[in-house]
C-alpha atoms as a PDB file:
ATOM      1  CA  UNK A   1     -11.226  10.658  -3.392  1.00  0.00           C
ATOM      2  CA  UNK A   2     -11.598   7.359  -5.385  1.00  0.00           C
ATOM      3  CA  UNK A   3      -9.394   5.560  -7.631  1.00  0.00           C
ATOM      4  CA  UNK A   4     -11.559   6.425 -10.423  1.00  0.00           C
ATOM      5  CA  UNK A   5     -10.788  10.195 -10.126  1.00  0.00           C
ATOM      6  CA  UNK A   6      -8.849  11.065 -13.304  1.00  0.00           C
ATOM      7  CA  UNK A   7      -6.855  14.231 -12.603  1.00  0.00           C
ATOM      8  CA  UNK A   8      -5.814  15.758  -9.258  1.00  0.00           C
ATOM      9  CA  UNK A   9      -3.594  18.891  -9.265  1.00  0.00           C
ATOM     10  CA  UNK A  10      -1.216  19.184  -6.337  1.00  0.00           C
ATOM     11  CA  UNK A  11       1.055  21.908  -5.182  1.00  0.00           C
ATOM     12  CA  UNK A  12       4.041  19.635  -4.802  1.00  0.00           C
ATOM     13  CA  UNK A  13       5.443  16.081  -4.524  1.00  0.00           C
ATOM     14  CA  UNK A  14       4.665  15.859  -0.879  1.00  0.00           C
ATOM     15  CA  UNK A  15       0.868  16.734  -1.542  1.00  0.00           C
ATOM     16  CA  UNK A  16       0.822  14.461  -4.295  1.00  0.00           C
ATOM     17  CA  UNK A  17       2.124  11.656  -2.276  1.00  0.00           C
ATOM     18  CA  UNK A  18      -0.303  12.198   0.492  1.00  0.00           C
ATOM     19  CA  UNK A  19      -3.241  12.293  -1.923  1.00  0.00           C
ATOM     20  CA  UNK A  20      -2.063   9.154  -3.673  1.00  0.00           C
ATOM     21  CA  UNK A  21      -1.674   7.439  -0.276  1.00  0.00           C
ATOM     22  CA  UNK A  22      -5.328   8.485   0.439  1.00  0.00           C
ATOM     23  CA  UNK A  23      -6.452   6.812  -2.858  1.00  0.00           C
ATOM     24  CA  UNK A  24      -4.398   3.595  -2.051  1.00  0.00           C
ATOM     25  CA  UNK A  25      -5.757   3.516   1.600  1.00  0.00           C
ATOM     26  CA  UNK A  26      -9.308   3.952   0.496  1.00  0.00           C
ATOM     27  CA  UNK A  27      -8.999   1.054  -2.164  1.00  0.00           C
ATOM     28  CA  UNK A  28      -7.376  -1.220   0.433  1.00  0.00           C
ATOM     29  CA  UNK A  29     -10.176  -0.552   3.036  1.00  0.00           C
ATOM     30  CA  UNK A  30     -12.882  -1.049   0.450  1.00  0.00           C
ATOM     31  CA  UNK A  31     -11.197  -4.089  -1.258  1.00  0.00           C
ATOM     32  CA  UNK A  32      -9.203  -5.968   1.511  1.00  0.00           C
ATOM     33  CA  UNK A  33      -8.589  -8.941  -0.999  1.00  0.00           C
ATOM     34  CA  UNK A  34      -8.007  -6.635  -3.907  1.00  0.00           C
ATOM     35  CA  UNK A  35      -4.611  -6.943  -5.750  1.00  0.00           C
ATOM     36  CA  UNK A  36      -2.100  -4.120  -5.823  1.00  0.00           C
ATOM     37  CA  UNK A  37       0.428  -3.695  -8.413  1.00  0.00           C
ATOM     38  CA  UNK A  38       3.355  -1.510  -7.065  1.00  0.00           C
ATOM     39  CA  UNK A  39       5.892   0.332  -9.095  1.00  0.00           C
ATOM     40  CA  UNK A  40       9.723   0.394  -8.435  1.00  0.00           C
ATOM     41  CA  UNK A  41      12.088   3.229  -8.584  1.00  0.00           C
ATOM     42  CA  UNK A  42      12.206   6.517  -6.747  1.00  0.00           C
ATOM     43  CA  UNK A  43       9.110   8.212  -8.208  1.00  0.00           C
ATOM     44  CA  UNK A  44       6.604   6.385  -5.789  1.00  0.00           C
ATOM     45  CA  UNK A  45       8.727   6.618  -2.709  1.00  0.00           C
ATOM     46  CA  UNK A  46       6.716   9.511  -1.239  1.00  0.00           C
ATOM     47  CA  UNK A  47       3.634   7.426  -1.713  1.00  0.00           C
ATOM     48  CA  UNK A  48       5.162   4.408  -0.010  1.00  0.00           C
ATOM     49  CA  UNK A  49       6.406   6.607   2.856  1.00  0.00           C
ATOM     50  CA  UNK A  50       2.864   7.898   3.341  1.00  0.00           C
ATOM     51  CA  UNK A  51       1.376   4.463   3.293  1.00  0.00           C
ATOM     52  CA  UNK A  52       3.920   3.322   6.005  1.00  0.00           C
ATOM     53  CA  UNK A  53       2.997   6.175   8.111  1.00  0.00           C
ATOM     54  CA  UNK A  54      -0.615   5.326   7.879  1.00  0.00           C
ATOM     55  CA  UNK A  55       0.211   1.674   8.749  1.00  0.00           C
ATOM     56  CA  UNK A  56       2.269   2.697  11.789  1.00  0.00           C
ATOM     57  CA  UNK A  57      -0.326   5.025  13.119  1.00  0.00           C
ATOM     58  CA  UNK A  58      -2.935   2.130  12.872  1.00  0.00           C
ATOM     59  CA  UNK A  59      -4.831   3.854   9.979  1.00  0.00           C
ATOM     60  CA  UNK A  60      -4.223   1.139   7.581  1.00  0.00           C
ATOM     61  CA  UNK A  61      -4.350  -2.641   7.921  1.00  0.00           C
ATOM     62  CA  UNK A  62      -2.229  -4.458   5.450  1.00  0.00           C
ATOM     63  CA  UNK A  63      -2.662  -7.890   6.772  1.00  0.00           C
ATOM     64  CA  UNK A  64      -4.872  -9.052   4.050  1.00  0.00           C
ATOM     65  CA  UNK A  65      -2.137  -7.852   1.447  1.00  0.00           C
ATOM     66  CA  UNK A  66       0.614 -10.195   2.879  1.00  0.00           C
ATOM     67  CA  UNK A  67       1.762 -12.915   0.694  1.00  0.00           C
ATOM     68  CA  UNK A  68       0.157 -16.182   2.075  1.00  0.00           C
ATOM     69  CA  UNK A  69       2.327 -18.352  -0.177  1.00  0.00           C
ATOM     70  CA  UNK A  70       5.493 -16.699   1.274  1.00  0.00           C
ATOM     71  CA  UNK A  71       4.256 -17.289   4.839  1.00  0.00           C
ATOM     72  CA  UNK A  72       3.519 -20.994   4.063  1.00  0.00           C
ATOM     73  CA  UNK A  73       6.999 -21.356   2.404  1.00  0.00           C
ATOM     74  CA  UNK A  74       8.707 -19.676   5.401  1.00  0.00           C
ATOM     75  CA  UNK A  75       6.716 -21.956   7.731  1.00  0.00           C
ATOM     76  CA  UNK A  76       7.828 -25.050   5.810  1.00  0.00           C
ATOM     77  CA  UNK A  77      11.368 -23.894   5.694  1.00  0.00           C
ATOM     78  CA  UNK A  78      11.537 -23.508   9.539  1.00  0.00           C
ATOM     79  CA  UNK A  79       9.920 -26.818  10.070  1.00  0.00           C
ATOM     80  CA  UNK A  80      12.512 -28.541   7.783  1.00  0.00           C
ATOM     81  CA  UNK A  81      15.314 -27.457  10.159  1.00  0.00           C
END
């Protein structure tokens, strides 16, 4: 499944969350430096749970998605102490 597919019909929220996680994971694998805009609120929580599960199983590498500026700021803050 790709991010360009327009409509996917699912039986329930759990299936929709799994399918959405597949789309996100596929995008992340194909675009390691791509930018993700993530929604807040309770609607996408199932998606995020599925992504965490994939990460914990080693099926998804999120290292390229980490905030490099935050890492630099954290390193500078620790060095200032």
